[in-house]
Amino acid sequence: MNEMPAIQCIGLTKTFTSEAENLEVLRALDLEVPQGRSCSIMGSSGSGKSTLLAILGGLERFDAGEVLVGGNALGKLSEKDLPQFRSSCVGFVFQFHYLLKDFSALENVALPAYMNGMVRKEAWGRAEELLEKVGLADRKEHFPSELSGGERQRTAIARALINSPRVLLADEPTGNLDFANAESIRQLLFELPAMTGATLLVATHNADFAASADDKYLLSEGRLQKR
């Protein structure tokens, strides 16, 4: 029996409504990403890449279709259910790292697990392991202001992995980085499916970055085209 895809969208439709117009950003979109694979989505600014990732992460509701992430039918989850889905099933990496400035790298990584019910010793131990995996074992006690841009993004990636998500969503994860740091983050992200078993979905405008994925799509006029 085939394993259920980590991500599945069937006829996904999302419209933003204003007094001036109705803007259909996603139009009966279909997508299927198997567990443990990497997938990139390219598209122009405003094409709906961030909206798609927000929907998959339970941050944005959709209007029609079906969306399943890690076996969870998002359309059937209540507002009360969504925080638990986000904390246990999905990891997020954004263009900006959103680290807590008054906490060390280790504390930033450990806190989501601790807040999700993991005992402190286990959360801090797992955070140390993840920081070692992303090459920051010797920077764990440093605060965000003491880390480089690439180190801050590596810390954010470790934080996204702390609760062992089935799906990792990365929205323009190298958009604020110089070439050398962006290349380092690209290599790290695309190693993660093999390293952790998580499925990686990346939204990017960078063609070289997108080319590293197992499956590549272009989002245009609300639909995905395989590349």
N, C-alpha and C. Protein backbone atom coordinates (compact mmCIF):
# COMPACT_ATOMS: atom_id res chain seq x y z
N MET A 1 0.84 -1.19 0.00
CA MET A 1 0.00 0.00 0.00
C MET A 1 0.88 1.25 0.00
N ASN A 2 0.56 2.21 -0.87
CA ASN A 2 1.32 3.43 -0.95
C ASN A 2 1.05 4.31 0.26
N GLU A 3 2.10 4.95 0.77
CA GLU A 3 1.95 5.85 1.90
C GLU A 3 1.21 7.11 1.47
N MET A 4 0.38 7.62 2.35
CA MET A 4 -0.34 8.85 2.06
C MET A 4 0.64 9.99 1.81
N PRO A 5 0.41 10.81 0.79
CA PRO A 5 1.31 11.94 0.55
C PRO A 5 1.39 12.86 1.77
N ALA A 6 2.54 13.47 1.96
CA ALA A 6 2.68 14.42 3.07
C ALA A 6 1.82 15.66 2.83
N ILE A 7 1.74 16.07 1.55
CA ILE A 7 0.94 17.23 1.17
C ILE A 7 0.07 16.85 -0.01
N GLN A 8 -1.21 17.17 0.08
CA GLN A 8 -2.12 16.91 -1.03
C GLN A 8 -3.16 18.02 -1.11
N CYS A 9 -3.23 18.65 -2.28
CA CYS A 9 -4.25 19.67 -2.56
C CYS A 9 -5.06 19.21 -3.75
N ILE A 10 -6.37 19.28 -3.61
CA ILE A 10 -7.28 18.89 -4.69
C ILE A 10 -8.26 20.04 -4.92
N GLY A 11 -8.15 20.68 -6.06
CA GLY A 11 -9.08 21.76 -6.39
C GLY A 11 -9.01 22.94 -5.43
N LEU A 12 -7.82 23.23 -4.92
CA LEU A 12 -7.68 24.30 -3.93
C LEU A 12 -7.94 25.67 -4.55
N THR A 13 -8.86 26.39 -3.96
CA THR A 13 -9.24 27.72 -4.46
C THR A 13 -9.22 28.73 -3.32
N LYS A 14 -8.62 29.88 -3.59
CA LYS A 14 -8.56 30.96 -2.61
C LYS A 14 -8.77 32.29 -3.31
N THR A 15 -9.74 33.06 -2.81
CA THR A 15 -10.07 34.37 -3.36
C THR A 15 -9.99 35.43 -2.28
N PHE A 16 -9.33 36.52 -2.59
CA PHE A 16 -9.30 37.67 -1.69
C PHE A 16 -10.32 38.69 -2.20
N THR A 17 -11.19 39.13 -1.30
CA THR A 17 -12.29 40.02 -1.68
C THR A 17 -12.08 41.40 -1.07
N SER A 18 -12.24 42.43 -1.90
CA SER A 18 -12.21 43.81 -1.44
C SER A 18 -13.36 44.56 -2.09
N GLU A 19 -13.52 45.81 -1.71
CA GLU A 19 -14.59 46.60 -2.32
C GLU A 19 -14.36 46.79 -3.81
N ALA A 20 -13.09 46.81 -4.20
CA ALA A 20 -12.77 47.08 -5.60
C ALA A 20 -12.87 45.85 -6.49
N GLU A 21 -12.49 44.67 -5.95
CA GLU A 21 -12.45 43.49 -6.82
C GLU A 21 -12.40 42.20 -6.00
N ASN A 22 -12.64 41.10 -6.70
CA ASN A 22 -12.41 39.76 -6.16
C ASN A 22 -11.19 39.19 -6.88
N LEU A 23 -10.15 38.89 -6.13
CA LEU A 23 -8.91 38.41 -6.73
C LEU A 23 -8.74 36.93 -6.42
N GLU A 24 -8.90 36.09 -7.44
CA GLU A 24 -8.75 34.64 -7.29
C GLU A 24 -7.27 34.29 -7.41
N VAL A 25 -6.62 34.07 -6.27
CA VAL A 25 -5.17 33.84 -6.26
C VAL A 25 -4.84 32.40 -6.60
N LEU A 26 -5.60 31.44 -6.08
CA LEU A 26 -5.41 30.03 -6.36
C LEU A 26 -6.68 29.49 -7.02
N ARG A 27 -6.53 28.82 -8.14
CA ARG A 27 -7.68 28.43 -8.95
C ARG A 27 -7.70 26.91 -9.15
N ALA A 28 -8.50 26.23 -8.37
CA ALA A 28 -8.63 24.77 -8.49
C ALA A 28 -7.25 24.10 -8.61
N LEU A 29 -6.36 24.50 -7.73
CA LEU A 29 -4.96 24.04 -7.77
C LEU A 29 -4.84 22.61 -7.23
N ASP A 30 -4.05 21.79 -7.91
CA ASP A 30 -3.76 20.43 -7.47
C ASP A 30 -2.27 20.29 -7.19
N LEU A 31 -1.94 19.57 -6.11
CA LEU A 31 -0.55 19.34 -5.74
C LEU A 31 -0.46 18.09 -4.89
N GLU A 32 0.58 17.29 -5.14
CA GLU A 32 0.83 16.11 -4.32
C GLU A 32 2.33 15.97 -4.11
N VAL A 33 2.75 15.94 -2.84
CA VAL A 33 4.17 15.80 -2.52
C VAL A 33 4.34 14.59 -1.60
N PRO A 34 5.06 13.56 -2.03
CA PRO A 34 5.26 12.38 -1.20
C PRO A 34 6.09 12.70 0.05
N GLN A 35 5.93 11.87 1.07
CA GLN A 35 6.71 12.04 2.28
C GLN A 35 8.20 11.89 1.99
N GLY A 36 9.00 12.82 2.55
CA GLY A 36 10.44 12.73 2.44
C GLY A 36 11.03 13.30 1.17
N ARG A 37 10.24 13.98 0.35
CA ARG A 37 10.77 14.60 -0.86
C ARG A 37 10.84 16.11 -0.68
N SER A 38 11.54 16.74 -1.59
CA SER A 38 11.62 18.20 -1.60
C SER A 38 10.90 18.73 -2.83
N CYS A 39 10.27 19.88 -2.66
CA CYS A 39 9.47 20.48 -3.73
C CYS A 39 9.69 21.98 -3.71
N SER A 40 9.92 22.58 -4.86
CA SER A 40 10.06 24.03 -4.95
C SER A 40 8.94 24.61 -5.80
N ILE A 41 8.51 25.80 -5.41
CA ILE A 41 7.48 26.52 -6.15
C ILE A 41 8.01 27.91 -6.48
N MET A 42 8.10 28.18 -7.77
CA MET A 42 8.51 29.50 -8.23
C MET A 42 7.29 30.27 -8.72
N GLY A 43 7.45 31.57 -8.83
CA GLY A 43 6.37 32.40 -9.32
C GLY A 43 6.72 33.86 -9.10
N SER A 44 6.11 34.71 -9.87
CA SER A 44 6.37 36.14 -9.73
C SER A 44 5.79 36.66 -8.42
N SER A 45 6.20 37.85 -8.05
CA SER A 45 5.66 38.47 -6.85
C SER A 45 4.15 38.64 -7.00
N GLY A 46 3.40 38.21 -5.98
CA GLY A 46 1.95 38.31 -6.05
C GLY A 46 1.27 37.13 -6.70
N SER A 47 2.05 36.10 -7.07
CA SER A 47 1.46 34.94 -7.77
C SER A 47 0.71 34.02 -6.82
N GLY A 48 0.94 34.16 -5.51
CA GLY A 48 0.21 33.31 -4.56
C GLY A 48 1.07 32.30 -3.84
N LYS A 49 2.39 32.36 -4.00
CA LYS A 49 3.28 31.39 -3.36
C LYS A 49 3.13 31.42 -1.83
N SER A 50 3.21 32.62 -1.27
CA SER A 50 3.11 32.75 0.19
C SER A 50 1.73 32.36 0.68
N THR A 51 0.70 32.68 -0.10
CA THR A 51 -0.66 32.30 0.27
C THR A 51 -0.80 30.79 0.32
N LEU A 52 -0.23 30.10 -0.66
CA LEU A 52 -0.28 28.63 -0.69
C LEU A 52 0.40 28.05 0.54
N LEU A 53 1.59 28.55 0.88
CA LEU A 53 2.29 28.03 2.05
C LEU A 53 1.54 28.35 3.34
N ALA A 54 0.93 29.53 3.40
CA ALA A 54 0.15 29.89 4.59
C ALA A 54 -1.05 28.95 4.77
N ILE A 55 -1.68 28.57 3.66
CA ILE A 55 -2.80 27.62 3.72
C ILE A 55 -2.31 26.25 4.19
N LEU A 56 -1.21 25.78 3.61
CA LEU A 56 -0.67 24.47 3.98
C LEU A 56 -0.23 24.43 5.44
N GLY A 57 0.17 25.59 5.98
CA GLY A 57 0.59 25.65 7.37
C GLY A 57 -0.52 25.96 8.35
N GLY A 58 -1.75 26.04 7.86
CA GLY A 58 -2.87 26.32 8.74
C GLY A 58 -2.93 27.76 9.22
N LEU A 59 -2.26 28.66 8.50
CA LEU A 59 -2.27 30.08 8.87
C LEU A 59 -3.34 30.86 8.11
N GLU A 60 -3.84 30.28 7.03
CA GLU A 60 -4.82 30.95 6.18
C GLU A 60 -5.87 29.93 5.78
N ARG A 61 -7.12 30.33 5.82
CA ARG A 61 -8.22 29.46 5.38
C ARG A 61 -8.36 29.55 3.86
N PHE A 62 -8.97 28.52 3.27
CA PHE A 62 -9.21 28.50 1.83
C PHE A 62 -10.71 28.43 1.57
N ASP A 63 -11.10 28.67 0.31
CA ASP A 63 -12.51 28.80 -0.02
C ASP A 63 -13.14 27.52 -0.54
N ALA A 64 -12.36 26.72 -1.27
CA ALA A 64 -12.92 25.49 -1.85
C ALA A 64 -11.79 24.50 -2.08
N GLY A 65 -12.17 23.23 -2.23
CA GLY A 65 -11.22 22.16 -2.47
C GLY A 65 -10.88 21.41 -1.20
N GLU A 66 -9.88 20.54 -1.30
CA GLU A 66 -9.41 19.75 -0.16
C GLU A 66 -7.92 19.98 0.02
N VAL A 67 -7.50 20.05 1.28
CA VAL A 67 -6.08 20.20 1.61
C VAL A 67 -5.77 19.23 2.74
N LEU A 68 -4.83 18.32 2.50
CA LEU A 68 -4.38 17.38 3.53
C LEU A 68 -2.88 17.56 3.74
N VAL A 69 -2.49 17.75 4.98
CA VAL A 69 -1.08 17.91 5.34
C VAL A 69 -0.79 16.96 6.50
N GLY A 70 0.13 16.02 6.27
CA GLY A 70 0.44 15.05 7.30
C GLY A 70 -0.77 14.24 7.73
N GLY A 71 -1.68 13.98 6.79
CA GLY A 71 -2.88 13.21 7.10
C GLY A 71 -4.01 14.02 7.71
N ASN A 72 -3.79 15.32 7.94
CA ASN A 72 -4.81 16.18 8.52
C ASN A 72 -5.58 16.92 7.44
N ALA A 73 -6.90 16.77 7.45
CA ALA A 73 -7.76 17.50 6.51
C ALA A 73 -7.97 18.90 7.07
N LEU A 74 -7.28 19.88 6.50
CA LEU A 74 -7.26 21.21 7.10
C LEU A 74 -8.63 21.87 7.10
N GLY A 75 -9.44 21.55 6.10
CA GLY A 75 -10.77 22.16 6.04
C GLY A 75 -11.67 21.71 7.17
N LYS A 76 -11.33 20.61 7.83
CA LYS A 76 -12.16 20.09 8.92
C LYS A 76 -11.63 20.46 10.30
N LEU A 77 -10.47 21.12 10.34
CA LEU A 77 -9.90 21.51 11.63
C LEU A 77 -10.54 22.82 12.11
N SER A 78 -10.93 22.85 13.36
CA SER A 78 -11.49 24.07 13.94
C SER A 78 -10.36 25.03 14.29
N GLU A 79 -10.72 26.28 14.59
CA GLU A 79 -9.72 27.26 15.01
C GLU A 79 -8.99 26.77 16.27
N LYS A 80 -9.69 26.03 17.10
CA LYS A 80 -9.10 25.50 18.32
C LYS A 80 -8.07 24.40 18.00
N ASP A 81 -8.30 23.66 16.92
CA ASP A 81 -7.41 22.55 16.56
C ASP A 81 -6.13 23.02 15.86
N LEU A 82 -6.19 24.17 15.20
CA LEU A 82 -5.09 24.59 14.33
C LEU A 82 -3.76 24.81 15.05
N PRO A 83 -3.74 25.43 16.23
CA PRO A 83 -2.43 25.60 16.90
C PRO A 83 -1.71 24.28 17.16
N GLN A 84 -2.44 23.25 17.56
CA GLN A 84 -1.82 21.95 17.80
C GLN A 84 -1.32 21.34 16.50
N PHE A 85 -2.08 21.50 15.42
CA PHE A 85 -1.63 21.03 14.11
C PHE A 85 -0.33 21.72 13.72
N ARG A 86 -0.28 23.05 13.89
CA ARG A 86 0.92 23.79 13.50
C ARG A 86 2.13 23.40 14.33
N SER A 87 1.93 23.21 15.63
CA SER A 87 3.08 22.93 16.50
C SER A 87 3.59 21.51 16.36
N SER A 88 2.74 20.58 15.97
CA SER A 88 3.15 19.18 15.94
C SER A 88 3.45 18.64 14.54
N CYS A 89 2.85 19.24 13.51
CA CYS A 89 2.94 18.65 12.17
C CYS A 89 3.79 19.46 11.19
N VAL A 90 3.89 20.78 11.43
CA VAL A 90 4.50 21.67 10.45
C VAL A 90 5.60 22.50 11.09
N GLY A 91 6.71 22.67 10.36
CA GLY A 91 7.76 23.60 10.76
C GLY A 91 7.82 24.72 9.74
N PHE A 92 8.05 25.94 10.22
CA PHE A 92 8.07 27.10 9.34
C PHE A 92 9.45 27.75 9.32
N VAL A 93 9.90 28.12 8.11
CA VAL A 93 11.09 28.95 7.95
C VAL A 93 10.69 30.10 7.04
N PHE A 94 10.85 31.33 7.55
CA PHE A 94 10.44 32.50 6.79
C PHE A 94 11.66 33.27 6.29
N GLN A 95 11.40 34.30 5.49
CA GLN A 95 12.48 35.15 4.97
C GLN A 95 13.21 35.83 6.12
N PHE A 96 12.46 36.27 7.13
CA PHE A 96 13.05 36.85 8.33
C PHE A 96 13.03 35.79 9.42
N HIS A 97 14.06 35.76 10.26
CA HIS A 97 14.22 34.64 11.20
C HIS A 97 13.24 34.65 12.38
N TYR A 98 12.77 35.81 12.80
CA TYR A 98 11.83 35.95 13.92
C TYR A 98 12.34 35.30 15.21
N LEU A 99 13.65 35.38 15.45
CA LEU A 99 14.19 34.88 16.72
C LEU A 99 13.90 35.88 17.83
N LEU A 100 13.75 35.38 19.04
CA LEU A 100 13.51 36.23 20.21
C LEU A 100 14.85 36.82 20.64
N LYS A 101 14.95 38.15 20.61
CA LYS A 101 16.25 38.81 20.76
C LYS A 101 16.85 38.64 22.15
N ASP A 102 16.03 38.41 23.16
CA ASP A 102 16.52 38.29 24.53
C ASP A 102 16.83 36.85 24.95
N PHE A 103 16.79 35.94 24.01
CA PHE A 103 17.06 34.53 24.29
C PHE A 103 18.22 34.05 23.42
N SER A 104 18.99 33.12 23.95
CA SER A 104 20.11 32.55 23.20
C SER A 104 19.60 31.69 22.05
N ALA A 105 20.53 31.30 21.18
CA ALA A 105 20.16 30.39 20.09
C ALA A 105 19.56 29.10 20.64
N LEU A 106 20.18 28.56 21.67
CA LEU A 106 19.69 27.33 22.28
C LEU A 106 18.27 27.51 22.82
N GLU A 107 18.03 28.60 23.51
CA GLU A 107 16.70 28.85 24.08
C GLU A 107 15.67 29.06 22.98
N ASN A 108 16.04 29.77 21.91
CA ASN A 108 15.12 29.99 20.80
C ASN A 108 14.69 28.68 20.16
N VAL A 109 15.62 27.76 20.04
CA VAL A 109 15.30 26.46 19.43
C VAL A 109 14.48 25.59 20.36
N ALA A 110 14.81 25.61 21.65
CA ALA A 110 14.16 24.71 22.62
C ALA A 110 12.75 25.14 23.00
N LEU A 111 12.49 26.43 23.01
CA LEU A 111 11.22 26.92 23.56
C LEU A 111 9.97 26.33 22.90
N PRO A 112 9.89 26.21 21.57
CA PRO A 112 8.67 25.63 20.99
C PRO A 112 8.37 24.22 21.50
N ALA A 113 9.41 23.42 21.72
CA ALA A 113 9.20 22.06 22.24
C ALA A 113 8.75 22.12 23.70
N TYR A 114 9.38 22.98 24.46
CA TYR A 114 9.02 23.14 25.88
C TYR A 114 7.57 23.60 26.01
N MET A 115 7.19 24.55 25.18
CA MET A 115 5.81 25.07 25.22
C MET A 115 4.81 24.04 24.71
N ASN A 116 5.30 23.06 23.92
CA ASN A 116 4.43 22.01 23.39
C ASN A 116 4.32 20.83 24.35
N GLY A 117 4.95 20.94 25.54
CA GLY A 117 4.79 19.91 26.55
C GLY A 117 6.00 19.03 26.80
N MET A 118 7.08 19.21 26.04
CA MET A 118 8.28 18.41 26.27
C MET A 118 8.96 18.88 27.56
N VAL A 119 9.46 17.95 28.36
CA VAL A 119 10.13 18.33 29.60
C VAL A 119 11.39 19.13 29.27
N ARG A 120 11.76 20.02 30.19
CA ARG A 120 12.82 20.98 29.90
C ARG A 120 14.13 20.30 29.49
N LYS A 121 14.55 19.30 30.22
CA LYS A 121 15.82 18.65 29.94
C LYS A 121 15.83 18.05 28.54
N GLU A 122 14.72 17.42 28.16
CA GLU A 122 14.64 16.81 26.83
C GLU A 122 14.62 17.87 25.74
N ALA A 123 13.87 18.96 25.97
CA ALA A 123 13.78 20.03 24.98
C ALA A 123 15.14 20.67 24.74
N TRP A 124 15.85 20.96 25.83
CA TRP A 124 17.18 21.59 25.69
C TRP A 124 18.18 20.61 25.06
N GLY A 125 18.06 19.33 25.39
CA GLY A 125 18.94 18.33 24.79
C GLY A 125 18.71 18.19 23.30
N ARG A 126 17.44 18.16 22.90
CA ARG A 126 17.14 18.06 21.47
C ARG A 126 17.58 19.32 20.74
N ALA A 127 17.42 20.47 21.37
CA ALA A 127 17.85 21.73 20.75
C ALA A 127 19.35 21.72 20.50
N GLU A 128 20.11 21.19 21.45
CA GLU A 128 21.57 21.10 21.27
C GLU A 128 21.90 20.20 20.08
N GLU A 129 21.20 19.07 19.96
CA GLU A 129 21.45 18.15 18.86
C GLU A 129 21.18 18.83 17.51
N LEU A 130 20.07 19.58 17.44
CA LEU A 130 19.71 20.24 16.19
C LEU A 130 20.69 21.35 15.84
N LEU A 131 21.12 22.11 16.83
CA LEU A 131 22.10 23.15 16.55
C LEU A 131 23.41 22.54 16.05
N GLU A 132 23.75 21.37 16.56
CA GLU A 132 24.94 20.68 16.05
C GLU A 132 24.73 20.26 14.60
N LYS A 133 23.54 19.78 14.28
CA LYS A 133 23.24 19.36 12.91
C LYS A 133 23.33 20.51 11.92
N VAL A 134 22.95 21.72 12.34
CA VAL A 134 22.99 22.86 11.43
C VAL A 134 24.30 23.64 11.55
N GLY A 135 25.28 23.05 12.26
CA GLY A 135 26.61 23.63 12.31
C GLY A 135 26.80 24.76 13.29
N LEU A 136 25.98 24.81 14.36
CA LEU A 136 26.05 25.91 15.31
C LEU A 136 26.29 25.45 16.75
N ALA A 137 26.91 24.30 16.92
CA ALA A 137 27.14 23.80 18.28
C ALA A 137 27.93 24.78 19.12
N ASP A 138 28.88 25.48 18.48
CA ASP A 138 29.73 26.40 19.24
C ASP A 138 29.12 27.80 19.37
N ARG A 139 27.90 27.98 18.86
CA ARG A 139 27.25 29.30 18.93
C ARG A 139 25.96 29.25 19.73
N LYS A 140 25.72 28.16 20.43
CA LYS A 140 24.42 27.94 21.07
C LYS A 140 24.10 28.95 22.15
N GLU A 141 25.10 29.51 22.82
CA GLU A 141 24.84 30.46 23.89
C GLU A 141 24.81 31.90 23.40
N HIS A 142 25.00 32.11 22.11
CA HIS A 142 25.00 33.46 21.55
C HIS A 142 23.57 33.95 21.32
N PHE A 143 23.37 35.25 21.46
CA PHE A 143 22.08 35.87 21.21
C PHE A 143 21.98 36.25 19.72
N PRO A 144 20.76 36.44 19.21
CA PRO A 144 20.62 36.76 17.79
C PRO A 144 21.49 37.92 17.32
N SER A 145 21.64 38.94 18.16
CA SER A 145 22.46 40.10 17.77
C SER A 145 23.93 39.74 17.61
N GLU A 146 24.33 38.61 18.15
CA GLU A 146 25.72 38.16 18.08
C GLU A 146 25.94 37.14 16.97
N LEU A 147 24.90 36.83 16.22
CA LEU A 147 24.98 35.87 15.13
C LEU A 147 24.93 36.58 13.79
N SER A 148 25.57 35.98 12.78
CA SER A 148 25.48 36.51 11.43
C SER A 148 24.10 36.20 10.84
N GLY A 149 23.80 36.79 9.69
CA GLY A 149 22.51 36.52 9.04
C GLY A 149 22.32 35.05 8.74
N GLY A 150 23.37 34.40 8.24
CA GLY A 150 23.27 32.97 7.96
C GLY A 150 23.10 32.14 9.21
N GLU A 151 23.78 32.53 10.28
CA GLU A 151 23.66 31.80 11.54
C GLU A 151 22.26 31.97 12.14
N ARG A 152 21.70 33.15 12.01
CA ARG A 152 20.33 33.36 12.51
C ARG A 152 19.35 32.48 11.74
N GLN A 153 19.54 32.38 10.42
CA GLN A 153 18.61 31.55 9.64
C GLN A 153 18.82 30.07 9.94
N ARG A 154 20.05 29.64 10.22
CA ARG A 154 20.29 28.27 10.61
C ARG A 154 19.61 27.96 11.96
N THR A 155 19.67 28.93 12.86
CA THR A 155 18.98 28.77 14.15
C THR A 155 17.48 28.63 13.92
N ALA A 156 16.93 29.44 13.01
CA ALA A 156 15.50 29.37 12.71
C ALA A 156 15.13 28.02 12.11
N ILE A 157 16.02 27.45 11.30
CA ILE A 157 15.76 26.12 10.73
C ILE A 157 15.77 25.06 11.83
N ALA A 158 16.73 25.14 12.74
CA ALA A 158 16.75 24.21 13.86
C ALA A 158 15.48 24.33 14.69
N ARG A 159 15.04 25.54 14.93
CA ARG A 159 13.79 25.76 15.68
C ARG A 159 12.60 25.13 14.96
N ALA A 160 12.57 25.25 13.63
CA ALA A 160 11.46 24.67 12.86
C ALA A 160 11.42 23.15 12.95
N LEU A 161 12.57 22.54 13.27
CA LEU A 161 12.66 21.09 13.32
C LEU A 161 12.45 20.52 14.72
N ILE A 162 12.35 21.35 15.74
CA ILE A 162 12.40 20.89 17.13
C ILE A 162 11.27 19.93 17.48
N ASN A 163 10.10 20.11 16.88
CA ASN A 163 8.97 19.23 17.19
C ASN A 163 8.80 18.10 16.18
N SER A 164 9.88 17.80 15.44
CA SER A 164 9.88 16.69 14.46
C SER A 164 8.71 16.76 13.49
N PRO A 165 8.56 17.88 12.77
CA PRO A 165 7.41 18.02 11.86
C PRO A 165 7.51 17.07 10.68
N ARG A 166 6.36 16.68 10.17
CA ARG A 166 6.34 15.87 8.95
C ARG A 166 6.61 16.74 7.73
N VAL A 167 6.26 18.03 7.84
CA VAL A 167 6.36 18.95 6.71
C VAL A 167 7.11 20.20 7.14
N LEU A 168 8.07 20.63 6.33
CA LEU A 168 8.80 21.87 6.56
C LEU A 168 8.47 22.83 5.43
N LEU A 169 7.92 23.99 5.79
CA LEU A 169 7.54 25.01 4.81
C LEU A 169 8.52 26.17 4.89
N ALA A 170 9.15 26.51 3.78
CA ALA A 170 10.14 27.59 3.75
C ALA A 170 9.73 28.63 2.71
N ASP A 171 9.47 29.84 3.18
CA ASP A 171 9.00 30.92 2.30
C ASP A 171 10.12 31.92 2.07
N GLU A 172 10.71 31.90 0.89
CA GLU A 172 11.85 32.76 0.52
C GLU A 172 12.92 32.74 1.63
N PRO A 173 13.40 31.56 2.00
CA PRO A 173 14.28 31.45 3.17
C PRO A 173 15.64 32.10 3.01
N THR A 174 16.03 32.44 1.77
CA THR A 174 17.33 33.10 1.56
C THR A 174 17.17 34.53 1.06
N GLY A 175 15.96 35.06 1.13
CA GLY A 175 15.69 36.38 0.55
C GLY A 175 16.47 37.51 1.18
N ASN A 176 16.88 37.36 2.45
CA ASN A 176 17.62 38.43 3.14
C ASN A 176 19.11 38.14 3.26
N LEU A 177 19.60 37.14 2.54
CA LEU A 177 20.99 36.71 2.73
C LEU A 177 21.85 37.03 1.50
N ASP A 178 23.15 37.22 1.77
CA ASP A 178 24.08 37.39 0.66
C ASP A 178 24.30 36.04 -0.02
N PHE A 179 25.05 36.05 -1.12
CA PHE A 179 25.17 34.84 -1.93
C PHE A 179 25.76 33.68 -1.14
N ALA A 180 26.85 33.94 -0.41
CA ALA A 180 27.53 32.85 0.30
C ALA A 180 26.62 32.22 1.36
N ASN A 181 25.94 33.06 2.14
CA ASN A 181 25.03 32.53 3.16
C ASN A 181 23.82 31.84 2.52
N ALA A 182 23.32 32.41 1.43
CA ALA A 182 22.18 31.80 0.74
C ALA A 182 22.54 30.41 0.23
N GLU A 183 23.75 30.26 -0.30
CA GLU A 183 24.19 28.96 -0.80
C GLU A 183 24.31 27.95 0.33
N SER A 184 24.81 28.41 1.47
CA SER A 184 24.94 27.53 2.64
C SER A 184 23.58 27.05 3.13
N ILE A 185 22.61 27.97 3.17
CA ILE A 185 21.26 27.62 3.61
C ILE A 185 20.59 26.69 2.59
N ARG A 186 20.82 26.94 1.30
CA ARG A 186 20.26 26.06 0.26
C ARG A 186 20.74 24.63 0.48
N GLN A 187 22.04 24.45 0.67
CA GLN A 187 22.58 23.11 0.87
C GLN A 187 21.98 22.45 2.11
N LEU A 188 21.87 23.22 3.18
CA LEU A 188 21.32 22.67 4.42
C LEU A 188 19.86 22.23 4.24
N LEU A 189 19.04 23.11 3.68
CA LEU A 189 17.61 22.81 3.55
C LEU A 189 17.37 21.54 2.73
N PHE A 190 18.09 21.41 1.63
CA PHE A 190 17.83 20.27 0.76
C PHE A 190 18.47 18.98 1.26
N GLU A 191 19.27 19.07 2.31
CA GLU A 191 19.75 17.87 3.00
C GLU A 191 18.72 17.35 4.01
N LEU A 192 17.80 18.21 4.42
CA LEU A 192 16.91 17.87 5.54
C LEU A 192 15.98 16.69 5.27
N PRO A 193 15.38 16.54 4.07
CA PRO A 193 14.51 15.36 3.87
C PRO A 193 15.23 14.05 4.15
N ALA A 194 16.47 13.91 3.66
CA ALA A 194 17.23 12.68 3.92
C ALA A 194 17.66 12.59 5.37
N MET A 195 17.96 13.74 5.98
CA MET A 195 18.46 13.77 7.34
C MET A 195 17.36 13.52 8.37
N THR A 196 16.15 14.03 8.11
CA THR A 196 15.08 13.99 9.11
C THR A 196 13.85 13.22 8.68
N GLY A 197 13.68 12.97 7.38
CA GLY A 197 12.47 12.33 6.89
C GLY A 197 11.34 13.29 6.62
N ALA A 198 11.56 14.58 6.92
CA ALA A 198 10.51 15.57 6.69
C ALA A 198 10.39 15.89 5.21
N THR A 199 9.21 16.29 4.81
CA THR A 199 8.98 16.77 3.45
C THR A 199 9.25 18.27 3.42
N LEU A 200 9.97 18.73 2.42
CA LEU A 200 10.33 20.15 2.30
C LEU A 200 9.60 20.79 1.14
N LEU A 201 8.91 21.89 1.42
CA LEU A 201 8.27 22.68 0.37
C LEU A 201 8.80 24.10 0.47
N VAL A 202 9.43 24.56 -0.60
CA VAL A 202 10.08 25.87 -0.62
C VAL A 202 9.41 26.76 -1.66
N ALA A 203 9.06 27.98 -1.27
CA ALA A 203 8.62 29.01 -2.21
C ALA A 203 9.78 29.97 -2.41
N THR A 204 10.15 30.19 -3.66
CA THR A 204 11.31 31.03 -3.95
C THR A 204 11.18 31.68 -5.32
N HIS A 205 11.85 32.82 -5.48
CA HIS A 205 11.93 33.44 -6.80
C HIS A 205 13.28 33.16 -7.44
N ASN A 206 14.15 32.41 -6.72
CA ASN A 206 15.50 32.12 -7.15
C ASN A 206 15.54 30.81 -7.93
N ALA A 207 15.80 30.89 -9.23
CA ALA A 207 15.76 29.70 -10.09
C ALA A 207 16.82 28.67 -9.70
N ASP A 208 18.01 29.14 -9.34
CA ASP A 208 19.07 28.21 -8.94
C ASP A 208 18.69 27.46 -7.67
N PHE A 209 18.08 28.17 -6.72
CA PHE A 209 17.63 27.56 -5.48
C PHE A 209 16.56 26.52 -5.78
N ALA A 210 15.58 26.90 -6.59
CA ALA A 210 14.47 26.00 -6.91
C ALA A 210 14.93 24.73 -7.62
N ALA A 211 16.01 24.83 -8.39
CA ALA A 211 16.48 23.70 -9.19
C ALA A 211 16.98 22.54 -8.33
N SER A 212 17.27 22.81 -7.04
CA SER A 212 17.79 21.75 -6.16
C SER A 212 16.70 20.78 -5.70
N ALA A 213 15.45 21.12 -5.89
CA ALA A 213 14.34 20.30 -5.37
C ALA A 213 14.11 19.05 -6.22
N ASP A 214 13.57 18.02 -5.60
CA ASP A 214 13.18 16.81 -6.34
C ASP A 214 12.09 17.12 -7.36
N ASP A 215 11.10 17.89 -6.92
CA ASP A 215 9.97 18.26 -7.79
C ASP A 215 9.91 19.78 -7.88
N LYS A 216 9.72 20.29 -9.09
CA LYS A 216 9.76 21.73 -9.33
C LYS A 216 8.49 22.18 -10.03
N TYR A 217 7.90 23.29 -9.53
CA TYR A 217 6.67 23.81 -10.10
C TYR A 217 6.78 25.32 -10.30
N LEU A 218 6.00 25.80 -11.26
CA LEU A 218 5.80 27.23 -11.46
C LEU A 218 4.34 27.55 -11.14
N LEU A 219 4.12 28.53 -10.28
CA LEU A 219 2.77 28.97 -9.95
C LEU A 219 2.44 30.17 -10.83
N SER A 220 1.47 30.00 -11.70
CA SER A 220 1.09 31.05 -12.64
C SER A 220 -0.42 31.02 -12.85
N GLU A 221 -1.04 32.19 -12.76
CA GLU A 221 -2.48 32.33 -12.97
C GLU A 221 -3.25 31.37 -12.06
N GLY A 222 -2.73 31.18 -10.86
CA GLY A 222 -3.45 30.41 -9.85
C GLY A 222 -3.29 28.91 -9.92
N ARG A 223 -2.49 28.42 -10.87
CA ARG A 223 -2.32 26.98 -11.01
C ARG A 223 -0.85 26.62 -11.08
N LEU A 224 -0.53 25.38 -10.74
CA LEU A 224 0.84 24.90 -10.75
C LEU A 224 1.15 24.18 -12.04
N GLN A 225 2.32 24.48 -12.59
CA GLN A 225 2.81 23.79 -13.80
C GLN A 225 4.10 23.06 -13.43
N LYS A 226 4.17 21.76 -13.71
CA LYS A 226 5.37 20.98 -13.42
C LYS A 226 6.49 21.43 -14.35
N ARG A 227 7.69 21.54 -13.78
CA ARG A 227 8.83 21.99 -14.57
C ARG A 227 9.83 20.86 -14.80
